[in-house]
PDB file of N, CA and C in Angstrom:
ATOM      1  N   MET A   1      11.155 -24.209  -2.104  1.00  0.00           N
ATOM      2  CA  MET A   1      10.970 -24.670  -3.296  1.00  0.00           C
ATOM      3  C   MET A   1      11.066 -24.210  -4.731  1.00  0.00           C
ATOM      4  N   ASN A   2      11.901 -25.114  -5.478  1.00  0.00           N
ATOM      5  CA  ASN A   2      12.087 -24.369  -6.902  1.00  0.00           C
ATOM      6  C   ASN A   2      11.255 -25.028  -7.946  1.00  0.00           C
ATOM      7  N   LYS A   3      11.584 -24.652  -9.171  1.00  0.00           N
ATOM      8  CA  LYS A   3      10.607 -25.207 -10.219  1.00  0.00           C
ATOM      9  C   LYS A   3      10.604 -26.577 -10.513  1.00  0.00           C
ATOM     10  N   ASN A   4      11.711 -27.305 -10.230  1.00  0.00           N
ATOM     11  CA  ASN A   4      11.668 -28.717 -10.268  1.00  0.00           C
ATOM     12  C   ASN A   4      10.858 -29.505  -9.328  1.00  0.00           C
ATOM     13  N   ASP A   5      10.942 -28.740  -8.020  1.00  0.00           N
ATOM     14  CA  ASP A   5      10.328 -29.251  -6.886  1.00  0.00           C
ATOM     15  C   ASP A   5       8.696 -29.099  -7.061  1.00  0.00           C
ATOM     16  N   LEU A   6       8.396 -28.006  -7.757  1.00  0.00           N
ATOM     17  CA  LEU A   6       6.998 -27.672  -7.950  1.00  0.00           C
ATOM     18  C   LEU A   6       6.705 -28.798  -9.181  1.00  0.00           C
ATOM     19  N   ILE A   7       7.335 -28.970 -10.144  1.00  0.00           N
ATOM     20  CA  ILE A   7       6.850 -29.921 -11.343  1.00  0.00           C
ATOM     21  C   ILE A   7       6.621 -31.400 -10.466  1.00  0.00           C
ATOM     22  N   GLN A   8       7.582 -31.875  -9.695  1.00  0.00           N
ATOM     23  CA  GLN A   8       7.474 -33.053  -8.897  1.00  0.00           C
ATOM     24  C   GLN A   8       6.284 -33.338  -8.070  1.00  0.00           C
ATOM     25  N   LYS A   9       6.070 -32.175  -7.212  1.00  0.00           N
ATOM     26  CA  LYS A   9       5.159 -32.270  -6.335  1.00  0.00           C
ATOM     27  C   LYS A   9       3.569 -32.166  -7.036  1.00  0.00           C
ATOM     28  N   LEU A  10       3.644 -31.719  -8.350  1.00  0.00           N
ATOM     29  CA  LEU A  10       2.457 -31.537  -9.217  1.00  0.00           C
ATOM     30  C   LEU A  10       1.992 -32.814  -9.816  1.00  0.00           C
ATOM     31  N   ALA A  11       3.200 -33.544 -10.260  1.00  0.00           N
ATOM     32  CA  ALA A  11       3.038 -34.783 -10.751  1.00  0.00           C
ATOM     33  C   ALA A  11       2.570 -35.783  -9.537  1.00  0.00           C
ATOM     34  N   ASP A  12       3.296 -35.749  -8.408  1.00  0.00           N
ATOM     35  CA  ASP A  12       2.674 -36.580  -7.306  1.00  0.00           C
ATOM     36  C   ASP A  12       1.211 -36.364  -7.034  1.00  0.00           C
ATOM     37  N   THR A  13       0.824 -35.150  -6.885  1.00  0.00           N
ATOM     38  CA  THR A  13      -0.458 -34.796  -6.399  1.00  0.00           C
ATOM     39  C   THR A  13      -1.547 -35.129  -7.381  1.00  0.00           C
ATOM     40  N   THR A  14      -1.190 -35.041  -8.801  1.00  0.00           N
ATOM     41  CA  THR A  14      -2.346 -35.160  -9.731  1.00  0.00           C
ATOM     42  C   THR A  14      -2.186 -36.467 -10.499  1.00  0.00           C
ATOM     43  N   GLY A  15      -1.230 -37.118 -10.386  1.00  0.00           N
ATOM     44  CA  GLY A  15      -0.919 -38.397 -11.234  1.00  0.00           C
ATOM     45  C   GLY A  15      -0.521 -38.090 -12.534  1.00  0.00           C
ATOM     46  N   LEU A  16      -0.225 -36.822 -12.511  1.00  0.00           N
ATOM     47  CA  LEU A  16       0.076 -36.843 -14.112  1.00  0.00           C
ATOM     48  C   LEU A  16       1.873 -37.312 -14.257  1.00  0.00           C
ATOM     49  N   ALA A  17       2.096 -37.478 -15.574  1.00  0.00           N
ATOM     50  CA  ALA A  17       3.544 -38.053 -15.668  1.00  0.00           C
ATOM     51  C   ALA A  17       4.229 -36.752 -15.570  1.00  0.00           C
ATOM     52  N   LYS A  18       5.642 -37.181 -15.008  1.00  0.00           N
ATOM     53  CA  LYS A  18       6.235 -35.670 -14.621  1.00  0.00           C
ATOM     54  C   LYS A  18       6.636 -34.907 -16.008  1.00  0.00           C
ATOM     55  N   ASN A  19       6.645 -35.553 -17.027  1.00  0.00           N
ATOM     56  CA  ASN A  19       6.618 -34.700 -18.325  1.00  0.00           C
ATOM     57  C   ASN A  19       5.614 -33.860 -18.705  1.00  0.00           C
ATOM     58  N   ASP A  20       4.393 -34.439 -18.405  1.00  0.00           N
ATOM     59  CA  ASP A  20       3.134 -33.643 -18.411  1.00  0.00           C
ATOM     60  C   ASP A  20       2.940 -32.395 -17.585  1.00  0.00           C
ATOM     61  N   ALA A  21       3.388 -32.868 -16.381  1.00  0.00           N
ATOM     62  CA  ALA A  21       3.303 -31.610 -15.280  1.00  0.00           C
ATOM     63  C   ALA A  21       4.432 -30.866 -15.553  1.00  0.00           C
ATOM     64  N   ALA A  22       5.672 -31.080 -15.926  1.00  0.00           N
ATOM     65  CA  ALA A  22       6.449 -29.836 -16.488  1.00  0.00           C
ATOM     66  C   ALA A  22       5.786 -29.130 -17.570  1.00  0.00           C
ATOM     67  N   LYS A  23       5.356 -29.730 -18.797  1.00  0.00           N
ATOM     68  CA  LYS A  23       4.560 -28.910 -19.637  1.00  0.00           C
ATOM     69  C   LYS A  23       3.448 -28.017 -19.035  1.00  0.00           C
ATOM     70  N   ALA A  24       2.803 -28.428 -18.119  1.00  0.00           N
ATOM     71  CA  ALA A  24       1.685 -27.765 -17.443  1.00  0.00           C
ATOM     72  C   ALA A  24       2.393 -26.559 -16.657  1.00  0.00           C
ATOM     73  N   VAL A  25       3.342 -26.813 -16.008  1.00  0.00           N
ATOM     74  CA  VAL A  25       3.996 -25.510 -15.236  1.00  0.00           C
ATOM     75  C   VAL A  25       4.670 -24.424 -16.293  1.00  0.00           C
ATOM     76  N   GLU A  26       5.312 -25.030 -17.139  1.00  0.00           N
ATOM     77  CA  GLU A  26       5.947 -24.342 -18.399  1.00  0.00           C
ATOM     78  C   GLU A  26       4.726 -23.371 -18.844  1.00  0.00           C
ATOM     79  N   GLY A  27       3.640 -24.051 -19.309  1.00  0.00           N
ATOM     80  CA  GLY A  27       2.641 -23.309 -20.135  1.00  0.00           C
ATOM     81  C   GLY A  27       2.073 -22.334 -19.083  1.00  0.00           C
ATOM     82  N   VAL A  28       1.628 -22.543 -17.998  1.00  0.00           N
ATOM     83  CA  VAL A  28       1.195 -21.298 -17.027  1.00  0.00           C
ATOM     84  C   VAL A  28       2.120 -20.368 -16.816  1.00  0.00           C
ATOM     85  N   PHE A  29       3.474 -20.536 -16.766  1.00  0.00           N
ATOM     86  CA  PHE A  29       4.373 -19.582 -16.783  1.00  0.00           C
ATOM     87  C   PHE A  29       4.432 -18.531 -17.910  1.00  0.00           C
ATOM     88  N   ASN A  30       4.457 -19.397 -19.146  1.00  0.00           N
ATOM     89  CA  ASN A  30       4.514 -18.645 -20.208  1.00  0.00           C
ATOM     90  C   ASN A  30       3.366 -17.807 -20.653  1.00  0.00           C
ATOM     91  N   LEU A  31       2.223 -18.299 -20.164  1.00  0.00           N
ATOM     92  CA  LEU A  31       0.957 -17.614 -20.452  1.00  0.00           C
ATOM     93  C   LEU A  31       0.819 -16.273 -19.627  1.00  0.00           C
ATOM     94  N   ILE A  32       1.563 -16.522 -18.348  1.00  0.00           N
ATOM     95  CA  ILE A  32       1.470 -15.402 -17.426  1.00  0.00           C
ATOM     96  C   ILE A  32       2.477 -14.382 -17.848  1.00  0.00           C
ATOM     97  N   GLU A  33       3.593 -14.895 -18.514  1.00  0.00           N
ATOM     98  CA  GLU A  33       4.657 -13.864 -19.041  1.00  0.00           C
ATOM     99  C   GLU A  33       4.164 -13.102 -20.395  1.00  0.00           C
ATOM    100  N   ALA A  34       3.539 -13.965 -21.122  1.00  0.00           N
ATOM    101  CA  ALA A  34       2.900 -13.290 -22.258  1.00  0.00           C
ATOM    102  C   ALA A  34       1.827 -12.208 -21.905  1.00  0.00           C
ATOM    103  N   SER A  35       0.823 -12.495 -20.874  1.00  0.00           N
ATOM    104  CA  SER A  35       0.013 -11.679 -20.589  1.00  0.00           C
ATOM    105  C   SER A  35       0.591 -10.261 -20.237  1.00  0.00           C
ATOM    106  N   LEU A  36       1.611 -10.310 -19.282  1.00  0.00           N
ATOM    107  CA  LEU A  36       2.260  -9.283 -18.491  1.00  0.00           C
ATOM    108  C   LEU A  36       2.887  -8.421 -19.579  1.00  0.00           C
ATOM    109  N   LYS A  37       3.506  -9.127 -20.633  1.00  0.00           N
ATOM    110  CA  LYS A  37       4.335  -8.453 -21.727  1.00  0.00           C
ATOM    111  C   LYS A  37       3.212  -7.493 -22.506  1.00  0.00           C
ATOM    112  N   ALA A  38       1.855  -8.129 -22.607  1.00  0.00           N
ATOM    113  CA  ALA A  38       0.856  -7.576 -23.484  1.00  0.00           C
ATOM    114  C   ALA A  38       0.274  -6.285 -22.593  1.00  0.00           C
ATOM    115  N   GLY A  39       0.805  -6.072 -21.436  1.00  0.00           N
ATOM    116  CA  GLY A  39       0.238  -4.947 -20.359  1.00  0.00           C
ATOM    117  C   GLY A  39      -1.160  -5.548 -19.719  1.00  0.00           C
ATOM    118  N   GLU A  40      -1.570  -6.647 -19.959  1.00  0.00           N
ATOM    119  CA  GLU A  40      -2.638  -7.245 -19.170  1.00  0.00           C
ATOM    120  C   GLU A  40      -2.274  -7.649 -17.767  1.00  0.00           C
ATOM    121  N   GLU A  41      -3.274  -7.532 -16.822  1.00  0.00           N
ATOM    122  CA  GLU A  41      -2.995  -8.147 -15.571  1.00  0.00           C
ATOM    123  C   GLU A  41      -3.479  -9.813 -15.485  1.00  0.00           C
ATOM    124  N   VAL A  42      -2.836 -10.437 -14.690  1.00  0.00           N
ATOM    125  CA  VAL A  42      -3.301 -11.575 -14.458  1.00  0.00           C
ATOM    126  C   VAL A  42      -3.986 -11.994 -13.173  1.00  0.00           C
ATOM    127  N   ARG A  43      -5.135 -12.148 -13.106  1.00  0.00           N
ATOM    128  CA  ARG A  43      -6.087 -12.252 -11.743  1.00  0.00           C
ATOM    129  C   ARG A  43      -6.454 -13.795 -11.551  1.00  0.00           C
ATOM    130  N   LEU A  44      -5.941 -14.424 -10.642  1.00  0.00           N
ATOM    131  CA  LEU A  44      -6.076 -15.648 -10.180  1.00  0.00           C
ATOM    132  C   LEU A  44      -6.852 -15.477  -8.911  1.00  0.00           C
ATOM    133  N   THR A  45      -8.397 -15.899  -8.958  1.00  0.00           N
ATOM    134  CA  THR A  45      -9.240 -15.659  -7.757  1.00  0.00           C
ATOM    135  C   THR A  45      -8.975 -16.461  -6.735  1.00  0.00           C
ATOM    136  N   GLY A  46      -8.729 -15.853  -5.465  1.00  0.00           N
ATOM    137  CA  GLY A  46      -8.223 -16.734  -4.361  1.00  0.00           C
ATOM    138  C   GLY A  46      -6.745 -16.745  -4.063  1.00  0.00           C
ATOM    139  N   PHE A  47      -5.897 -16.455  -5.177  1.00  0.00           N
ATOM    140  CA  PHE A  47      -4.623 -16.523  -5.066  1.00  0.00           C
ATOM    141  C   PHE A  47      -3.890 -15.361  -5.141  1.00  0.00           C
ATOM    142  N   GLY A  48      -4.215 -14.455  -6.175  1.00  0.00           N
ATOM    143  CA  GLY A  48      -3.564 -13.268  -6.382  1.00  0.00           C
ATOM    144  C   GLY A  48      -3.641 -12.809  -7.677  1.00  0.00           C
ATOM    145  N   VAL A  49      -2.972 -11.377  -7.617  1.00  0.00           N
ATOM    146  CA  VAL A  49      -2.838 -10.712  -9.096  1.00  0.00           C
ATOM    147  C   VAL A  49      -1.399 -10.533  -9.467  1.00  0.00           C
ATOM    148  N   PHE A  50      -1.128 -10.742 -10.615  1.00  0.00           N
ATOM    149  CA  PHE A  50       0.344 -10.401 -11.201  1.00  0.00           C
ATOM    150  C   PHE A  50       0.106  -9.087 -12.250  1.00  0.00           C
ATOM    151  N   VAL A  51       0.754  -7.975 -11.809  1.00  0.00           N
ATOM    152  CA  VAL A  51       0.434  -6.853 -12.622  1.00  0.00           C
ATOM    153  C   VAL A  51       2.125  -6.407 -12.927  1.00  0.00           C
ATOM    154  N   VAL A  52       1.870  -5.388 -14.000  1.00  0.00           N
ATOM    155  CA  VAL A  52       3.220  -4.501 -14.394  1.00  0.00           C
ATOM    156  C   VAL A  52       3.110  -3.303 -13.826  1.00  0.00           C
ATOM    157  N   ALA A  53       4.273  -3.031 -13.105  1.00  0.00           N
ATOM    158  CA  ALA A  53       4.266  -1.637 -12.525  1.00  0.00           C
ATOM    159  C   ALA A  53       5.351  -0.852 -13.332  1.00  0.00           C
ATOM    160  N   GLN A  54       5.228   0.478 -13.340  1.00  0.00           N
ATOM    161  CA  GLN A  54       6.021   1.498 -14.034  1.00  0.00           C
ATOM    162  C   GLN A  54       6.819   2.038 -12.897  1.00  0.00           C
ATOM    163  N   ARG A  55       8.190   1.858 -13.431  1.00  0.00           N
ATOM    164  CA  ARG A  55       9.374   2.093 -12.211  1.00  0.00           C
ATOM    165  C   ARG A  55       9.931   3.436 -12.865  1.00  0.00           C
ATOM    166  N   ALA A  56       9.874   4.657 -12.181  1.00  0.00           N
ATOM    167  CA  ALA A  56      10.373   6.207 -12.895  1.00  0.00           C
ATOM    168  C   ALA A  56      11.941   5.850 -12.941  1.00  0.00           C
ATOM    169  N   GLY A  57      12.433   6.668 -13.970  1.00  0.00           N
ATOM    170  CA  GLY A  57      13.724   6.806 -14.046  1.00  0.00           C
ATOM    171  C   GLY A  57      14.234   7.784 -13.134  1.00  0.00           C
ATOM    172  N   GLY A  58      15.587   8.144 -13.186  1.00  0.00           N
ATOM    173  CA  GLY A  58      16.001   9.307 -12.271  1.00  0.00           C
ATOM    174  C   GLY A  58      17.304   9.277 -12.230  1.00  0.00           C
ATOM    175  N   LYS A  59      18.026  10.103 -11.448  1.00  0.00           N
ATOM    176  CA  LYS A  59      19.589  10.053 -11.178  1.00  0.00           C
ATOM    177  C   LYS A  59      19.861   9.243 -10.009  1.00  0.00           C
ATOM    178  N   GLY A  60      21.152   8.814 -10.185  1.00  0.00           N
ATOM    179  CA  GLY A  60      21.701   7.756  -9.043  1.00  0.00           C
ATOM    180  C   GLY A  60      23.025   8.192  -9.089  1.00  0.00           C
ATOM    181  N   ARG A  61      23.776   7.485  -8.380  1.00  0.00           N
ATOM    182  CA  ARG A  61      25.199   7.556  -8.040  1.00  0.00           C
ATOM    183  C   ARG A  61      26.064   6.579  -7.888  1.00  0.00           C
ATOM    184  N   ASN A  62      27.084   6.227  -8.621  1.00  0.00           N
ATOM    185  CA  ASN A  62      27.889   5.119  -8.635  1.00  0.00           C
ATOM    186  C   ASN A  62      28.487   5.099  -7.303  1.00  0.00           C
ATOM    187  N   PRO A  63      28.115   3.947  -6.327  1.00  0.00           N
ATOM    188  CA  PRO A  63      29.006   4.081  -5.218  1.00  0.00           C
ATOM    189  C   PRO A  63      30.462   4.020  -4.866  1.00  0.00           C
ATOM    190  N   GLN A  64      31.010   3.338  -5.937  1.00  0.00           N
ATOM    191  CA  GLN A  64      32.496   3.315  -6.213  1.00  0.00           C
ATOM    192  C   GLN A  64      33.167   4.708  -6.471  1.00  0.00           C
ATOM    193  N   THR A  65      32.661   5.153  -7.536  1.00  0.00           N
ATOM    194  CA  THR A  65      33.455   6.324  -8.334  1.00  0.00           C
ATOM    195  C   THR A  65      32.537   7.722  -7.722  1.00  0.00           C
ATOM    196  N   GLY A  66      31.610   7.603  -7.388  1.00  0.00           N
ATOM    197  CA  GLY A  66      30.754   9.049  -6.878  1.00  0.00           C
ATOM    198  C   GLY A  66      30.378   9.427  -8.007  1.00  0.00           C
ATOM    199  N   GLU A  67      30.392   8.916  -9.213  1.00  0.00           N
ATOM    200  CA  GLU A  67      29.893   9.629 -10.648  1.00  0.00           C
ATOM    201  C   GLU A  67      28.386   9.643 -10.589  1.00  0.00           C
ATOM    202  N   GLU A  68      27.783  10.479 -11.143  1.00  0.00           N
ATOM    203  CA  GLU A  68      26.204  10.554 -11.200  1.00  0.00           C
ATOM    204  C   GLU A  68      25.821   9.812 -12.514  1.00  0.00           C
ATOM    205  N   ILE A  69      25.044   8.860 -12.553  1.00  0.00           N
ATOM    206  CA  ILE A  69      24.335   8.255 -13.558  1.00  0.00           C
ATOM    207  C   ILE A  69      22.984   8.291 -13.729  1.00  0.00           C
ATOM    208  N   THR A  70      22.380   8.134 -15.023  1.00  0.00           N
ATOM    209  CA  THR A  70      21.073   8.253 -15.101  1.00  0.00           C
ATOM    210  C   THR A  70      20.426   6.746 -15.130  1.00  0.00           C
ATOM    211  N   ILE A  71      19.485   6.521 -14.440  1.00  0.00           N
ATOM    212  CA  ILE A  71      18.661   5.493 -14.273  1.00  0.00           C
ATOM    213  C   ILE A  71      17.545   5.495 -15.228  1.00  0.00           C
ATOM    214  N   LYS A  72      17.328   4.415 -16.191  1.00  0.00           N
ATOM    215  CA  LYS A  72      16.243   4.421 -17.106  1.00  0.00           C
ATOM    216  C   LYS A  72      15.090   4.110 -16.602  1.00  0.00           C
ATOM    217  N   PRO A  73      13.945   4.450 -17.126  1.00  0.00           N
ATOM    218  CA  PRO A  73      12.378   4.009 -16.392  1.00  0.00           C
ATOM    219  C   PRO A  73      12.417   2.604 -16.747  1.00  0.00           C
ATOM    220  N   SER A  74      11.668   1.879 -16.219  1.00  0.00           N
ATOM    221  CA  SER A  74      11.630   0.202 -16.452  1.00  0.00           C
ATOM    222  C   SER A  74      10.266  -0.217 -16.099  1.00  0.00           C
ATOM    223  N   LYS A  75       9.875  -1.320 -16.643  1.00  0.00           N
ATOM    224  CA  LYS A  75       8.770  -2.129 -16.007  1.00  0.00           C
ATOM    225  C   LYS A  75       9.017  -3.264 -15.023  1.00  0.00           C
ATOM    226  N   GLN A  76       8.361  -3.324 -14.067  1.00  0.00           N
ATOM    227  CA  GLN A  76       8.760  -4.254 -13.027  1.00  0.00           C
ATOM    228  C   GLN A  76       7.219  -5.257 -12.912  1.00  0.00           C
ATOM    229  N   PRO A  77       7.552  -6.538 -12.780  1.00  0.00           N
ATOM    230  CA  PRO A  77       6.551  -7.487 -12.378  1.00  0.00           C
ATOM    231  C   PRO A  77       6.187  -7.316 -10.997  1.00  0.00           C
ATOM    232  N   ARG A  78       4.809  -7.296 -10.605  1.00  0.00           N
ATOM    233  CA  ARG A  78       4.429  -7.202  -9.084  1.00  0.00           C
ATOM    234  C   ARG A  78       3.447  -8.374  -8.968  1.00  0.00           C
ATOM    235  N   PHE A  79       3.483  -8.712  -7.614  1.00  0.00           N
ATOM    236  CA  PHE A  79       2.257  -9.787  -7.409  1.00  0.00           C
ATOM    237  C   PHE A  79       1.622  -9.220  -6.090  1.00  0.00           C
ATOM    238  N   ARG A  80       0.203  -9.216  -6.042  1.00  0.00           N
ATOM    239  CA  ARG A  80      -0.232  -8.808  -4.885  1.00  0.00           C
ATOM    240  C   ARG A  80      -1.256 -10.199  -4.425  1.00  0.00           C
ATOM    241  N   PRO A  81      -1.020 -10.620  -3.274  1.00  0.00           N
ATOM    242  CA  PRO A  81      -1.583 -11.903  -2.806  1.00  0.00           C
ATOM    243  C   PRO A  81      -3.067 -11.324  -2.589  1.00  0.00           C
ATOM    244  N   GLY A  82      -3.974 -12.722  -2.894  1.00  0.00           N
ATOM    245  CA  GLY A  82      -5.180 -12.432  -2.455  1.00  0.00           C
ATOM    246  C   GLY A  82      -5.576 -12.630  -1.036  1.00  0.00           C
ATOM    247  N   LYS A  83      -6.920 -12.365  -0.598  1.00  0.00           N
ATOM    248  CA  LYS A  83      -7.140 -12.520   0.564  1.00  0.00           C
ATOM    249  C   LYS A  83      -7.146 -13.859   1.057  1.00  0.00           C
ATOM    250  N   GLN A  84      -7.757 -14.753   0.435  1.00  0.00           N
ATOM    251  CA  GLN A  84      -7.693 -16.362   0.591  1.00  0.00           C
ATOM    252  C   GLN A  84      -6.321 -16.825   0.952  1.00  0.00           C
ATOM    253  N   LEU A  85      -5.354 -16.361   0.080  1.00  0.00           N
ATOM    254  CA  LEU A  85      -3.771 -16.913   0.243  1.00  0.00           C
ATOM    255  C   LEU A  85      -3.559 -15.996   1.641  1.00  0.00           C
ATOM    256  N   LYS A  86      -3.667 -14.755   1.896  1.00  0.00           N
ATOM    257  CA  LYS A  86      -3.270 -14.315   3.280  1.00  0.00           C
ATOM    258  C   LYS A  86      -3.946 -14.877   4.268  1.00  0.00           C
ATOM    259  N   ASP A  87      -5.093 -15.206   4.371  1.00  0.00           N
ATOM    260  CA  ASP A  87      -5.621 -15.851   5.303  1.00  0.00           C
ATOM    261  C   ASP A  87      -5.291 -17.257   5.659  1.00  0.00           C
ATOM    262  N   ALA A  88      -4.723 -17.791   4.667  1.00  0.00           N
ATOM    263  CA  ALA A  88      -4.073 -19.317   4.786  1.00  0.00           C
ATOM    264  C   ALA A  88      -2.940 -19.240   5.475  1.00  0.00           C
ATOM    265  N   LEU A  89      -2.269 -18.148   5.375  1.00  0.00           N
ATOM    266  CA  LEU A  89      -0.914 -18.012   5.871  1.00  0.00           C
ATOM    267  C   LEU A  89      -0.998 -17.507   7.193  1.00  0.00           C
ATOM    268  N   ASN A  90      -1.868 -17.015   7.763  1.00  0.00           N
ATOM    269  CA  ASN A  90      -2.101 -16.499   9.035  1.00  0.00           C
ATOM    270  C   ASN A  90      -2.932 -17.149   9.924  1.00  0.00           C
TER     271      ASN A  90
END
């Protein structure tokens, strides 16, 4: 399922106009992104938790040339599924 499929299914199941469903989906994604940028976690009870994880920098090697490169530290979004979501899938 891609974003357009999600919007269409949301519109079908809730009776919202497709435009309104698109605004709702975009709004949720924007709020999650803004919270993660602010360093906050987003906890959706029964679904899961979105968090930001620090990825350490280090040394790497370019596989084509064998040259050593420096890998910068970065922040990565992570999702931890909740128990209810896990149980629903099993």
